[in-house]
Amino acid sequence: MTHEIRESWLNAVAQGMAPLFEALDAPLPDRVRVAIGFTSRGAKGKAIGECWDNRLSADGHFEIFIRPDLAHAPDAMPAQIAAILAHELVHAAVGIPAGHGKAFKRVALGLGLVGPMRATTPGEAFLAAVASILDVAGPLPHARLDTDGESTAPKKQKTRMLKCECATCGYTARTARKWLEQAGAPLCPIEDHGQMQHKPLDDDSEEEGGEDG
């Protein structure tokens, strides 16, 4: 199957894992939403996944988020995302108040998740259990978001500041070209020295200043 939307893929994998939870006497709640998006602490947070209690949802859903900037290799990403999803689904199954305690540990280990319970990883048993689920779900329509890269937003144009100089005393000031054109060069602050003159700089006459409004 091919999913065009990430949430559709995530929900299909969650549904595929439901029998695994039932076999552990920890059935998944009926109301669970899953999405790829930043957790409550944003891009600077360390959590790779987060499950919000259904008591905080206006319509009683557990809300699960998996961050979009995980650095898994593309071929390993589906299984890694499934493992994070499984971890958060365990929270939904045993209840948020259970934390990472005994109830959580029993189900997580039963699914084949290994390592510290606060940061589980997929063990061989988990990978074997979800292999057929991932085959049915098909490709994960997601690629890593590079939050450390440069912004793709257009860069703001910088104002070109032009040098003006008093012919009498040499006092200098800089102003934008539009003000030279609309109001002329500024006046020297020294009385009777009058209007300054625009003096091009040696390096192509202009230097960058603040953002142009």
N, C-alpha and C. Protein backbone atom coordinates (compact mmCIF):
# COMPACT_ATOMS: atom_id res chain seq x y z
N MET A 1 0.85 -1.20 0.00
CA MET A 1 0.00 0.00 0.00
C MET A 1 0.88 1.24 0.00
N THR A 2 0.44 2.28 -0.68
CA THR A 2 1.17 3.54 -0.72
C THR A 2 0.36 4.63 -0.04
N HIS A 3 0.98 5.27 0.94
CA HIS A 3 0.33 6.36 1.66
C HIS A 3 0.96 7.68 1.22
N GLU A 4 0.14 8.64 0.88
CA GLU A 4 0.64 9.95 0.48
C GLU A 4 0.81 10.89 1.66
N ILE A 5 0.17 10.57 2.77
CA ILE A 5 0.21 11.43 3.95
C ILE A 5 0.89 10.67 5.09
N ARG A 6 1.79 11.34 5.79
CA ARG A 6 2.53 10.70 6.88
C ARG A 6 1.61 10.17 7.97
N GLU A 7 0.60 10.97 8.32
CA GLU A 7 -0.31 10.56 9.39
C GLU A 7 -1.08 9.30 9.00
N SER A 8 -1.39 9.16 7.73
CA SER A 8 -2.06 7.95 7.26
C SER A 8 -1.17 6.73 7.45
N TRP A 9 0.11 6.88 7.14
CA TRP A 9 1.08 5.80 7.33
C TRP A 9 1.20 5.46 8.81
N LEU A 10 1.33 6.47 9.64
CA LEU A 10 1.48 6.25 11.08
C LEU A 10 0.27 5.53 11.67
N ASN A 11 -0.91 5.94 11.25
CA ASN A 11 -2.12 5.30 11.77
C ASN A 11 -2.24 3.86 11.28
N ALA A 12 -1.80 3.60 10.06
CA ALA A 12 -1.83 2.23 9.54
C ALA A 12 -0.89 1.34 10.33
N VAL A 13 0.28 1.86 10.66
CA VAL A 13 1.25 1.08 11.45
C VAL A 13 0.72 0.88 12.87
N ALA A 14 0.11 1.91 13.44
CA ALA A 14 -0.47 1.78 14.78
C ALA A 14 -1.56 0.71 14.80
N GLN A 15 -2.41 0.71 13.79
CA GLN A 15 -3.46 -0.30 13.71
C GLN A 15 -2.87 -1.70 13.52
N GLY A 16 -1.78 -1.75 12.75
CA GLY A 16 -1.14 -3.04 12.55
C GLY A 16 -0.53 -3.59 13.83
N MET A 17 -0.08 -2.70 14.72
CA MET A 17 0.52 -3.12 15.98
C MET A 17 -0.52 -3.41 17.06
N ALA A 18 -1.77 -3.04 16.82
CA ALA A 18 -2.81 -3.23 17.84
C ALA A 18 -2.89 -4.66 18.35
N PRO A 19 -2.83 -5.70 17.48
CA PRO A 19 -2.88 -7.06 18.00
C PRO A 19 -1.72 -7.40 18.93
N LEU A 20 -0.56 -6.78 18.72
CA LEU A 20 0.59 -7.01 19.61
C LEU A 20 0.28 -6.50 21.02
N PHE A 21 -0.40 -5.38 21.10
CA PHE A 21 -0.79 -4.84 22.40
C PHE A 21 -1.87 -5.69 23.05
N GLU A 22 -2.82 -6.13 22.24
CA GLU A 22 -3.89 -6.98 22.78
C GLU A 22 -3.32 -8.27 23.35
N ALA A 23 -2.32 -8.83 22.70
CA ALA A 23 -1.70 -10.06 23.18
C ALA A 23 -1.01 -9.86 24.52
N LEU A 24 -0.68 -8.63 24.85
CA LEU A 24 -0.04 -8.31 26.12
C LEU A 24 -1.03 -7.79 27.15
N ASP A 25 -2.33 -7.95 26.86
CA ASP A 25 -3.39 -7.47 27.76
C ASP A 25 -3.27 -5.97 28.01
N ALA A 26 -2.89 -5.26 26.98
CA ALA A 26 -2.79 -3.80 27.06
C ALA A 26 -3.32 -3.21 25.77
N PRO A 27 -4.62 -3.37 25.52
CA PRO A 27 -5.19 -2.89 24.25
C PRO A 27 -5.04 -1.39 24.08
N LEU A 28 -4.89 -0.99 22.83
CA LEU A 28 -4.76 0.44 22.53
C LEU A 28 -6.11 1.13 22.71
N PRO A 29 -6.11 2.37 23.16
CA PRO A 29 -7.36 3.13 23.26
C PRO A 29 -7.96 3.34 21.87
N ASP A 30 -9.25 3.53 21.84
CA ASP A 30 -9.92 3.76 20.56
C ASP A 30 -9.55 5.11 19.96
N ARG A 31 -9.31 6.09 20.82
CA ARG A 31 -9.05 7.44 20.34
C ARG A 31 -7.58 7.82 20.51
N VAL A 32 -6.84 7.71 19.41
CA VAL A 32 -5.42 8.07 19.39
C VAL A 32 -5.15 8.81 18.09
N ARG A 33 -4.51 9.95 18.19
CA ARG A 33 -4.07 10.68 17.00
C ARG A 33 -2.54 10.65 16.95
N VAL A 34 -2.01 10.46 15.76
CA VAL A 34 -0.56 10.40 15.60
C VAL A 34 -0.14 11.36 14.51
N ALA A 35 0.94 12.09 14.75
CA ALA A 35 1.42 13.03 13.74
C ALA A 35 2.94 13.16 13.85
N ILE A 36 3.55 13.53 12.74
CA ILE A 36 4.96 13.90 12.76
C ILE A 36 5.01 15.41 12.88
N GLY A 37 5.58 15.85 13.97
CA GLY A 37 5.66 17.28 14.24
C GLY A 37 6.47 17.48 15.51
N PHE A 38 6.89 18.71 15.76
CA PHE A 38 7.73 18.97 16.92
C PHE A 38 6.96 18.78 18.22
N THR A 39 7.66 18.30 19.22
CA THR A 39 7.06 18.09 20.53
C THR A 39 6.90 19.44 21.23
N SER A 40 6.41 19.41 22.45
CA SER A 40 6.03 20.65 23.13
C SER A 40 7.19 21.61 23.35
N ARG A 41 8.41 21.11 23.37
CA ARG A 41 9.57 21.99 23.57
C ARG A 41 10.19 22.44 22.25
N GLY A 42 9.56 22.09 21.15
CA GLY A 42 10.00 22.58 19.86
C GLY A 42 11.27 21.94 19.35
N ALA A 43 11.87 22.58 18.34
CA ALA A 43 13.05 22.03 17.68
C ALA A 43 14.25 21.92 18.63
N LYS A 44 14.29 22.76 19.67
CA LYS A 44 15.43 22.74 20.59
C LYS A 44 15.26 21.70 21.70
N GLY A 45 14.09 21.10 21.79
CA GLY A 45 13.88 20.06 22.80
C GLY A 45 14.60 18.78 22.44
N LYS A 46 14.73 17.88 23.39
CA LYS A 46 15.45 16.63 23.17
C LYS A 46 14.53 15.44 22.94
N ALA A 47 13.27 15.58 23.27
CA ALA A 47 12.34 14.45 23.12
C ALA A 47 12.15 14.11 21.65
N ILE A 48 12.22 12.81 21.33
CA ILE A 48 12.00 12.40 19.94
C ILE A 48 10.54 12.01 19.70
N GLY A 49 9.80 11.84 20.78
CA GLY A 49 8.38 11.53 20.69
C GLY A 49 7.68 12.00 21.94
N GLU A 50 6.37 12.14 21.86
CA GLU A 50 5.62 12.65 23.00
C GLU A 50 4.17 12.17 22.90
N CYS A 51 3.62 11.77 24.03
CA CYS A 51 2.22 11.35 24.08
C CYS A 51 1.50 12.21 25.12
N TRP A 52 0.45 12.89 24.67
CA TRP A 52 -0.33 13.75 25.56
C TRP A 52 -1.56 12.99 26.07
N ASP A 53 -1.82 13.17 27.33
CA ASP A 53 -2.94 12.50 28.00
C ASP A 53 -4.27 12.87 27.34
N ASN A 54 -5.14 11.88 27.19
CA ASN A 54 -6.44 12.14 26.57
C ASN A 54 -7.31 13.06 27.41
N ARG A 55 -6.99 13.20 28.68
CA ARG A 55 -7.76 14.11 29.53
C ARG A 55 -7.49 15.57 29.19
N LEU A 56 -6.43 15.82 28.42
CA LEU A 56 -6.12 17.18 28.01
C LEU A 56 -6.70 17.52 26.64
N SER A 57 -7.26 16.52 25.98
CA SER A 57 -7.81 16.72 24.64
C SER A 57 -9.29 17.07 24.74
N ALA A 58 -9.71 18.05 23.93
CA ALA A 58 -11.10 18.48 23.97
C ALA A 58 -12.05 17.38 23.53
N ASP A 59 -11.57 16.44 22.71
CA ASP A 59 -12.45 15.34 22.30
C ASP A 59 -11.93 13.97 22.75
N GLY A 60 -11.11 13.98 23.81
CA GLY A 60 -10.72 12.73 24.45
C GLY A 60 -9.74 11.85 23.70
N HIS A 61 -8.90 12.42 22.86
CA HIS A 61 -7.90 11.64 22.13
C HIS A 61 -6.53 11.72 22.83
N PHE A 62 -5.79 10.62 22.80
CA PHE A 62 -4.36 10.68 23.10
C PHE A 62 -3.71 11.31 21.87
N GLU A 63 -2.83 12.26 22.09
CA GLU A 63 -2.17 12.95 20.98
C GLU A 63 -0.68 12.60 20.99
N ILE A 64 -0.23 11.96 19.93
CA ILE A 64 1.17 11.53 19.82
C ILE A 64 1.88 12.33 18.74
N PHE A 65 3.08 12.81 19.07
CA PHE A 65 3.90 13.55 18.11
C PHE A 65 5.28 12.91 18.01
N ILE A 66 5.77 12.78 16.80
CA ILE A 66 7.12 12.27 16.54
C ILE A 66 7.85 13.35 15.77
N ARG A 67 8.99 13.78 16.26
CA ARG A 67 9.66 14.94 15.67
C ARG A 67 10.16 14.64 14.26
N PRO A 68 10.20 15.66 13.39
CA PRO A 68 10.50 15.45 11.98
C PRO A 68 11.97 15.52 11.59
N ASP A 69 12.86 15.79 12.55
CA ASP A 69 14.26 16.00 12.19
C ASP A 69 15.18 14.88 12.69
N LEU A 70 14.63 13.69 12.86
CA LEU A 70 15.45 12.57 13.30
C LEU A 70 16.42 12.17 12.19
N ALA A 71 17.63 11.79 12.59
CA ALA A 71 18.70 11.58 11.61
C ALA A 71 18.88 10.12 11.22
N HIS A 72 17.81 9.35 11.18
CA HIS A 72 17.93 7.97 10.76
C HIS A 72 18.20 7.89 9.27
N ALA A 73 18.95 6.87 8.87
CA ALA A 73 19.16 6.62 7.44
C ALA A 73 17.80 6.32 6.81
N PRO A 74 17.59 6.75 5.56
CA PRO A 74 16.28 6.57 4.92
C PRO A 74 15.76 5.14 4.96
N ASP A 75 16.65 4.15 4.75
CA ASP A 75 16.18 2.77 4.74
C ASP A 75 15.86 2.24 6.13
N ALA A 76 16.45 2.85 7.16
CA ALA A 76 16.19 2.43 8.54
C ALA A 76 15.07 3.23 9.19
N MET A 77 14.71 4.35 8.57
CA MET A 77 13.75 5.26 9.19
C MET A 77 12.39 4.61 9.48
N PRO A 78 11.80 3.84 8.56
CA PRO A 78 10.48 3.28 8.89
C PRO A 78 10.46 2.48 10.17
N ALA A 79 11.44 1.61 10.37
CA ALA A 79 11.48 0.78 11.58
C ALA A 79 11.75 1.65 12.82
N GLN A 80 12.61 2.65 12.68
CA GLN A 80 12.91 3.52 13.81
C GLN A 80 11.70 4.36 14.20
N ILE A 81 10.99 4.86 13.20
CA ILE A 81 9.77 5.62 13.49
C ILE A 81 8.73 4.72 14.13
N ALA A 82 8.63 3.49 13.63
CA ALA A 82 7.68 2.54 14.22
C ALA A 82 8.02 2.26 15.67
N ALA A 83 9.31 2.20 16.00
CA ALA A 83 9.72 1.94 17.38
C ALA A 83 9.36 3.12 18.28
N ILE A 84 9.55 4.33 17.78
CA ILE A 84 9.16 5.52 18.56
C ILE A 84 7.65 5.54 18.74
N LEU A 85 6.95 5.23 17.66
CA LEU A 85 5.49 5.17 17.74
C LEU A 85 5.05 4.14 18.77
N ALA A 86 5.68 2.96 18.77
CA ALA A 86 5.33 1.92 19.72
C ALA A 86 5.55 2.40 21.15
N HIS A 87 6.66 3.07 21.39
CA HIS A 87 6.96 3.60 22.73
C HIS A 87 5.84 4.53 23.20
N GLU A 88 5.43 5.45 22.32
CA GLU A 88 4.38 6.40 22.70
C GLU A 88 3.02 5.70 22.84
N LEU A 89 2.78 4.68 22.03
CA LEU A 89 1.53 3.94 22.16
C LEU A 89 1.47 3.16 23.47
N VAL A 90 2.62 2.75 23.97
CA VAL A 90 2.64 2.09 25.29
C VAL A 90 2.14 3.06 26.35
N HIS A 91 2.56 4.32 26.26
CA HIS A 91 2.07 5.33 27.20
C HIS A 91 0.56 5.42 27.14
N ALA A 92 0.01 5.43 25.92
CA ALA A 92 -1.44 5.52 25.76
C ALA A 92 -2.13 4.27 26.31
N ALA A 93 -1.50 3.12 26.12
CA ALA A 93 -2.12 1.85 26.53
C ALA A 93 -2.15 1.68 28.05
N VAL A 94 -1.07 2.08 28.72
CA VAL A 94 -1.00 1.86 30.17
C VAL A 94 -1.40 3.10 30.96
N GLY A 95 -1.57 4.22 30.27
CA GLY A 95 -1.95 5.46 30.94
C GLY A 95 -0.74 6.34 31.23
N ILE A 96 -0.87 7.62 30.97
CA ILE A 96 0.24 8.56 31.18
C ILE A 96 0.73 8.57 32.63
N PRO A 97 -0.17 8.48 33.62
CA PRO A 97 0.32 8.50 35.00
C PRO A 97 1.27 7.36 35.34
N ALA A 98 1.27 6.28 34.56
CA ALA A 98 2.16 5.15 34.83
C ALA A 98 3.61 5.49 34.53
N GLY A 99 3.83 6.57 33.78
CA GLY A 99 5.20 6.96 33.47
C GLY A 99 5.95 5.85 32.76
N HIS A 100 7.21 5.65 33.16
CA HIS A 100 8.03 4.57 32.60
C HIS A 100 8.23 3.47 33.65
N GLY A 101 7.24 3.30 34.51
CA GLY A 101 7.33 2.32 35.59
C GLY A 101 7.06 0.89 35.16
N LYS A 102 6.64 0.08 36.12
CA LYS A 102 6.51 -1.37 35.89
C LYS A 102 5.52 -1.70 34.79
N ALA A 103 4.36 -1.03 34.78
CA ALA A 103 3.36 -1.33 33.77
C ALA A 103 3.89 -1.00 32.37
N PHE A 104 4.56 0.13 32.26
CA PHE A 104 5.14 0.51 30.98
C PHE A 104 6.21 -0.49 30.56
N LYS A 105 7.08 -0.83 31.48
CA LYS A 105 8.20 -1.73 31.18
C LYS A 105 7.71 -3.09 30.72
N ARG A 106 6.65 -3.60 31.34
CA ARG A 106 6.13 -4.92 30.97
C ARG A 106 5.69 -4.95 29.51
N VAL A 107 4.97 -3.92 29.11
CA VAL A 107 4.46 -3.89 27.73
C VAL A 107 5.58 -3.58 26.74
N ALA A 108 6.44 -2.64 27.08
CA ALA A 108 7.53 -2.27 26.18
C ALA A 108 8.44 -3.46 25.90
N LEU A 109 8.81 -4.17 26.95
CA LEU A 109 9.66 -5.35 26.76
C LEU A 109 8.91 -6.44 25.99
N GLY A 110 7.62 -6.56 26.26
CA GLY A 110 6.82 -7.55 25.55
C GLY A 110 6.75 -7.28 24.06
N LEU A 111 6.83 -6.01 23.68
CA LEU A 111 6.83 -5.65 22.26
C LEU A 111 8.19 -5.86 21.60
N GLY A 112 9.21 -6.00 22.42
CA GLY A 112 10.56 -6.17 21.88
C GLY A 112 11.39 -4.89 21.90
N LEU A 113 10.90 -3.88 22.61
CA LEU A 113 11.70 -2.67 22.78
C LEU A 113 12.74 -2.93 23.86
N VAL A 114 13.91 -2.37 23.70
CA VAL A 114 15.01 -2.64 24.63
C VAL A 114 15.64 -1.33 25.09
N GLY A 115 16.55 -1.44 26.06
CA GLY A 115 17.27 -0.28 26.55
C GLY A 115 16.56 0.39 27.71
N PRO A 116 17.07 1.54 28.16
CA PRO A 116 16.41 2.28 29.23
C PRO A 116 14.97 2.61 28.83
N MET A 117 14.06 2.49 29.76
CA MET A 117 12.65 2.69 29.41
C MET A 117 12.34 4.12 28.99
N ARG A 118 13.14 5.07 29.40
CA ARG A 118 12.90 6.46 28.97
C ARG A 118 13.37 6.70 27.54
N ALA A 119 14.19 5.80 27.04
CA ALA A 119 14.73 5.98 25.68
C ALA A 119 14.89 4.61 25.02
N THR A 120 13.77 3.93 24.79
CA THR A 120 13.84 2.58 24.24
C THR A 120 14.26 2.60 22.78
N THR A 121 14.81 1.48 22.35
CA THR A 121 15.21 1.29 20.95
C THR A 121 14.64 -0.05 20.48
N PRO A 122 14.53 -0.25 19.18
CA PRO A 122 13.96 -1.50 18.67
C PRO A 122 14.93 -2.67 18.78
N GLY A 123 14.51 -3.71 19.49
CA GLY A 123 15.30 -4.93 19.55
C GLY A 123 14.97 -5.84 18.38
N GLU A 124 15.68 -6.95 18.29
CA GLU A 124 15.45 -7.87 17.18
C GLU A 124 14.03 -8.41 17.18
N ALA A 125 13.48 -8.67 18.37
CA ALA A 125 12.12 -9.20 18.45
C ALA A 125 11.11 -8.19 17.93
N PHE A 126 11.32 -6.92 18.23
CA PHE A 126 10.41 -5.89 17.74
C PHE A 126 10.50 -5.78 16.22
N LEU A 127 11.72 -5.74 15.69
CA LEU A 127 11.90 -5.61 14.25
C LEU A 127 11.25 -6.77 13.50
N ALA A 128 11.36 -7.98 14.09
CA ALA A 128 10.72 -9.14 13.46
C ALA A 128 9.20 -9.04 13.52
N ALA A 129 8.69 -8.51 14.64
CA ALA A 129 7.23 -8.42 14.82
C ALA A 129 6.60 -7.39 13.90
N VAL A 130 7.32 -6.32 13.59
CA VAL A 130 6.72 -5.25 12.77
C VAL A 130 7.10 -5.35 11.30
N ALA A 131 7.94 -6.30 10.94
CA ALA A 131 8.39 -6.39 9.54
C ALA A 131 7.22 -6.51 8.57
N SER A 132 6.29 -7.41 8.88
CA SER A 132 5.15 -7.59 7.97
C SER A 132 4.22 -6.37 8.00
N ILE A 133 4.13 -5.73 9.16
CA ILE A 133 3.29 -4.52 9.28
C ILE A 133 3.84 -3.41 8.40
N LEU A 134 5.17 -3.26 8.40
CA LEU A 134 5.80 -2.23 7.58
C LEU A 134 5.71 -2.56 6.10
N ASP A 135 5.77 -3.85 5.79
CA ASP A 135 5.61 -4.25 4.38
C ASP A 135 4.24 -3.85 3.85
N VAL A 136 3.22 -4.07 4.67
CA VAL A 136 1.85 -3.73 4.26
C VAL A 136 1.68 -2.21 4.18
N ALA A 137 2.28 -1.50 5.13
CA ALA A 137 2.14 -0.03 5.16
C ALA A 137 2.83 0.63 3.98
N GLY A 138 3.89 0.02 3.47
CA GLY A 138 4.60 0.58 2.34
C GLY A 138 5.57 1.69 2.75
N PRO A 139 6.06 2.46 1.79
CA PRO A 139 7.05 3.49 2.09
C PRO A 139 6.52 4.57 3.02
N LEU A 140 7.39 5.05 3.88
CA LEU A 140 7.04 6.15 4.77
C LEU A 140 7.18 7.46 3.99
N PRO A 141 6.09 8.21 3.79
CA PRO A 141 6.16 9.46 3.02
C PRO A 141 6.75 10.60 3.84
N HIS A 142 8.01 10.47 4.21
CA HIS A 142 8.65 11.46 5.07
C HIS A 142 10.15 11.43 4.82
N ALA A 143 10.77 12.58 4.89
CA ALA A 143 12.22 12.70 4.84
C ALA A 143 12.65 13.63 5.96
N ARG A 144 13.85 13.43 6.45
CA ARG A 144 14.33 14.21 7.57
C ARG A 144 14.32 15.70 7.27
N LEU A 145 13.82 16.48 8.22
CA LEU A 145 13.85 17.93 8.15
C LEU A 145 15.15 18.42 8.75
N ASP A 146 15.96 19.13 7.98
CA ASP A 146 17.25 19.62 8.45
C ASP A 146 17.07 20.96 9.16
N THR A 147 16.86 20.90 10.46
CA THR A 147 16.62 22.14 11.21
C THR A 147 17.90 22.91 11.47
N ASP A 148 19.06 22.32 11.18
CA ASP A 148 20.32 23.02 11.36
C ASP A 148 20.80 23.71 10.09
N GLY A 149 20.08 23.50 8.99
CA GLY A 149 20.48 24.09 7.72
C GLY A 149 20.06 25.54 7.62
N GLU A 150 20.43 26.16 6.51
CA GLU A 150 20.09 27.56 6.30
C GLU A 150 18.62 27.68 5.94
N SER A 151 18.03 28.78 6.33
CA SER A 151 16.64 29.04 6.01
C SER A 151 16.47 29.20 4.50
N THR A 152 15.34 28.72 4.01
CA THR A 152 15.03 28.89 2.59
C THR A 152 14.23 30.17 2.34
N ALA A 153 13.95 30.90 3.40
CA ALA A 153 13.20 32.15 3.24
C ALA A 153 14.06 33.19 2.52
N PRO A 154 13.44 34.04 1.69
CA PRO A 154 14.21 35.07 0.99
C PRO A 154 14.92 35.98 1.98
N LYS A 155 16.17 36.30 1.69
CA LYS A 155 16.91 37.19 2.56
C LYS A 155 16.45 38.62 2.34
N LYS A 156 16.37 39.36 3.44
CA LYS A 156 15.93 40.74 3.35
C LYS A 156 17.01 41.60 2.71
N GLN A 157 16.56 42.51 1.87
CA GLN A 157 17.50 43.40 1.21
C GLN A 157 18.12 44.35 2.22
N LYS A 158 19.42 44.52 2.13
CA LYS A 158 20.11 45.46 3.02
C LYS A 158 20.09 46.86 2.42
N THR A 159 19.94 47.86 3.28
CA THR A 159 19.99 49.24 2.82
C THR A 159 21.43 49.62 2.50
N ARG A 160 21.62 50.28 1.38
CA ARG A 160 22.94 50.80 1.04
C ARG A 160 23.10 52.18 1.66
N MET A 161 24.08 52.32 2.55
CA MET A 161 24.28 53.57 3.25
C MET A 161 25.36 54.38 2.53
N LEU A 162 25.03 55.62 2.19
CA LEU A 162 25.93 56.48 1.42
C LEU A 162 26.58 57.53 2.34
N LYS A 163 27.84 57.76 2.07
CA LYS A 163 28.61 58.67 2.92
C LYS A 163 28.43 60.11 2.48
N CYS A 164 28.19 60.97 3.47
CA CYS A 164 28.11 62.41 3.23
C CYS A 164 29.17 63.10 4.10
N GLU A 165 29.76 64.17 3.58
CA GLU A 165 30.85 64.83 4.29
C GLU A 165 30.71 66.34 4.21
N CYS A 166 31.01 67.00 5.33
CA CYS A 166 30.98 68.46 5.35
C CYS A 166 32.26 68.97 4.68
N ALA A 167 32.09 69.84 3.68
CA ALA A 167 33.26 70.36 2.95
C ALA A 167 34.09 71.30 3.79
N THR A 168 33.50 71.83 4.89
CA THR A 168 34.22 72.79 5.72
C THR A 168 35.07 72.13 6.80
N CYS A 169 34.44 71.20 7.56
CA CYS A 169 35.15 70.62 8.70
C CYS A 169 35.45 69.13 8.55
N GLY A 170 34.87 68.49 7.53
CA GLY A 170 35.13 67.08 7.31
C GLY A 170 34.23 66.15 8.10
N TYR A 171 33.25 66.68 8.84
CA TYR A 171 32.30 65.84 9.57
C TYR A 171 31.59 64.90 8.59
N THR A 172 31.45 63.63 8.96
CA THR A 172 30.82 62.65 8.06
C THR A 172 29.59 62.03 8.70
N ALA A 173 28.69 61.61 7.85
CA ALA A 173 27.48 60.88 8.26
C ALA A 173 27.06 60.01 7.09
N ARG A 174 26.24 59.01 7.36
CA ARG A 174 25.77 58.13 6.29
C ARG A 174 24.25 58.08 6.30
N THR A 175 23.67 58.00 5.13
CA THR A 175 22.22 57.96 5.00
C THR A 175 21.84 57.11 3.80
N ALA A 176 20.60 56.71 3.73
CA ALA A 176 20.12 55.89 2.62
C ALA A 176 19.94 56.73 1.37
N ARG A 177 20.06 56.07 0.21
CA ARG A 177 19.94 56.77 -1.06
C ARG A 177 18.57 57.45 -1.19
N LYS A 178 17.52 56.77 -0.69
CA LYS A 178 16.19 57.36 -0.87
C LYS A 178 16.06 58.70 -0.15
N TRP A 179 16.78 58.86 1.00
CA TRP A 179 16.70 60.14 1.70
C TRP A 179 17.52 61.21 1.00
N LEU A 180 18.61 60.80 0.34
CA LEU A 180 19.36 61.77 -0.46
C LEU A 180 18.49 62.29 -1.60
N GLU A 181 17.73 61.38 -2.20
CA GLU A 181 16.91 61.76 -3.34
C GLU A 181 15.68 62.57 -2.92
N GLN A 182 15.12 62.24 -1.74
CA GLN A 182 13.89 62.90 -1.33
C GLN A 182 14.13 64.18 -0.53
N ALA A 183 15.19 64.19 0.27
CA ALA A 183 15.40 65.34 1.15
C ALA A 183 16.76 65.99 1.00
N GLY A 184 17.64 65.38 0.21
CA GLY A 184 18.98 65.93 0.04
C GLY A 184 19.90 65.49 1.15
N ALA A 185 21.16 65.85 1.04
CA ALA A 185 22.15 65.47 2.05
C ALA A 185 21.84 66.15 3.38
N PRO A 186 22.23 65.52 4.51
CA PRO A 186 21.96 66.13 5.82
C PRO A 186 22.80 67.39 6.04
N LEU A 187 22.37 68.18 7.03
CA LEU A 187 23.10 69.39 7.40
C LEU A 187 24.19 69.05 8.40
N CYS A 188 25.32 69.71 8.30
CA CYS A 188 26.39 69.54 9.29
C CYS A 188 25.89 70.09 10.62
N PRO A 189 26.15 69.39 11.73
CA PRO A 189 25.66 69.88 13.04
C PRO A 189 26.36 71.15 13.50
N ILE A 190 27.47 71.50 12.87
CA ILE A 190 28.17 72.73 13.26
C ILE A 190 27.50 73.91 12.54
N GLU A 191 27.13 74.91 13.30
CA GLU A 191 26.38 76.05 12.77
C GLU A 191 27.11 76.73 11.61
N ASP A 192 26.36 77.09 10.61
CA ASP A 192 26.82 77.83 9.43
C ASP A 192 27.62 76.98 8.43
N HIS A 193 27.85 75.69 8.73
CA HIS A 193 28.59 74.86 7.77
C HIS A 193 27.69 74.36 6.66
N GLY A 194 26.38 74.38 6.91
CA GLY A 194 25.44 74.07 5.86
C GLY A 194 25.34 72.59 5.49
N GLN A 195 24.87 72.36 4.27
CA GLN A 195 24.58 71.00 3.82
C GLN A 195 25.86 70.25 3.44
N MET A 196 25.92 69.00 3.85
CA MET A 196 27.06 68.15 3.51
C MET A 196 26.95 67.67 2.07
N GLN A 197 28.00 67.06 1.57
CA GLN A 197 28.04 66.55 0.21
C GLN A 197 28.20 65.03 0.21
N HIS A 198 27.56 64.38 -0.74
CA HIS A 198 27.70 62.94 -0.88
C HIS A 198 29.10 62.63 -1.38
N LYS A 199 29.84 61.79 -0.62
CA LYS A 199 31.21 61.42 -0.96
C LYS A 199 31.28 59.91 -1.18
N PRO A 200 31.35 59.44 -2.44
CA PRO A 200 31.46 57.99 -2.69
C PRO A 200 32.69 57.41 -2.00
N LEU A 201 32.53 56.20 -1.45
CA LEU A 201 33.66 55.50 -0.83
C LEU A 201 34.50 54.89 -1.93
N ASP A 202 35.75 54.55 -1.59
CA ASP A 202 36.66 53.94 -2.57
C ASP A 202 36.15 52.59 -3.03
N ASP A 203 35.53 51.80 -2.10
CA ASP A 203 35.09 50.45 -2.46
C ASP A 203 33.66 50.49 -3.01
N ASP A 204 33.53 51.05 -4.20
CA ASP A 204 32.26 51.09 -4.92
C ASP A 204 31.25 52.00 -4.23
N SER A 205 31.71 52.88 -3.35
CA SER A 205 30.95 54.01 -2.80
C SER A 205 29.93 53.66 -1.73
N GLU A 206 29.66 52.39 -1.46
CA GLU A 206 28.56 52.08 -0.57
C GLU A 206 28.93 51.03 0.45
N GLU A 207 28.26 51.07 1.59
CA GLU A 207 28.45 50.00 2.58
C GLU A 207 27.08 49.63 3.13
N GLU A 208 26.99 48.36 3.60
CA GLU A 208 25.70 47.87 4.05
C GLU A 208 25.44 48.30 5.48
N GLY A 209 24.16 48.60 5.75
CA GLY A 209 23.78 48.97 7.09
C GLY A 209 22.62 48.14 7.55
N GLY A 210 21.61 48.76 8.16
CA GLY A 210 20.46 48.03 8.68
C GLY A 210 19.53 47.56 7.58
N GLU A 211 18.52 46.85 7.98
CA GLU A 211 17.55 46.32 7.02
C GLU A 211 16.71 47.44 6.43
N ASP A 212 16.44 47.30 5.16
CA ASP A 212 15.63 48.31 4.48
C ASP A 212 14.17 48.10 4.82
N GLY A 213 13.51 49.09 5.34
CA GLY A 213 12.11 48.96 5.67
C GLY A 213 11.30 49.38 4.48
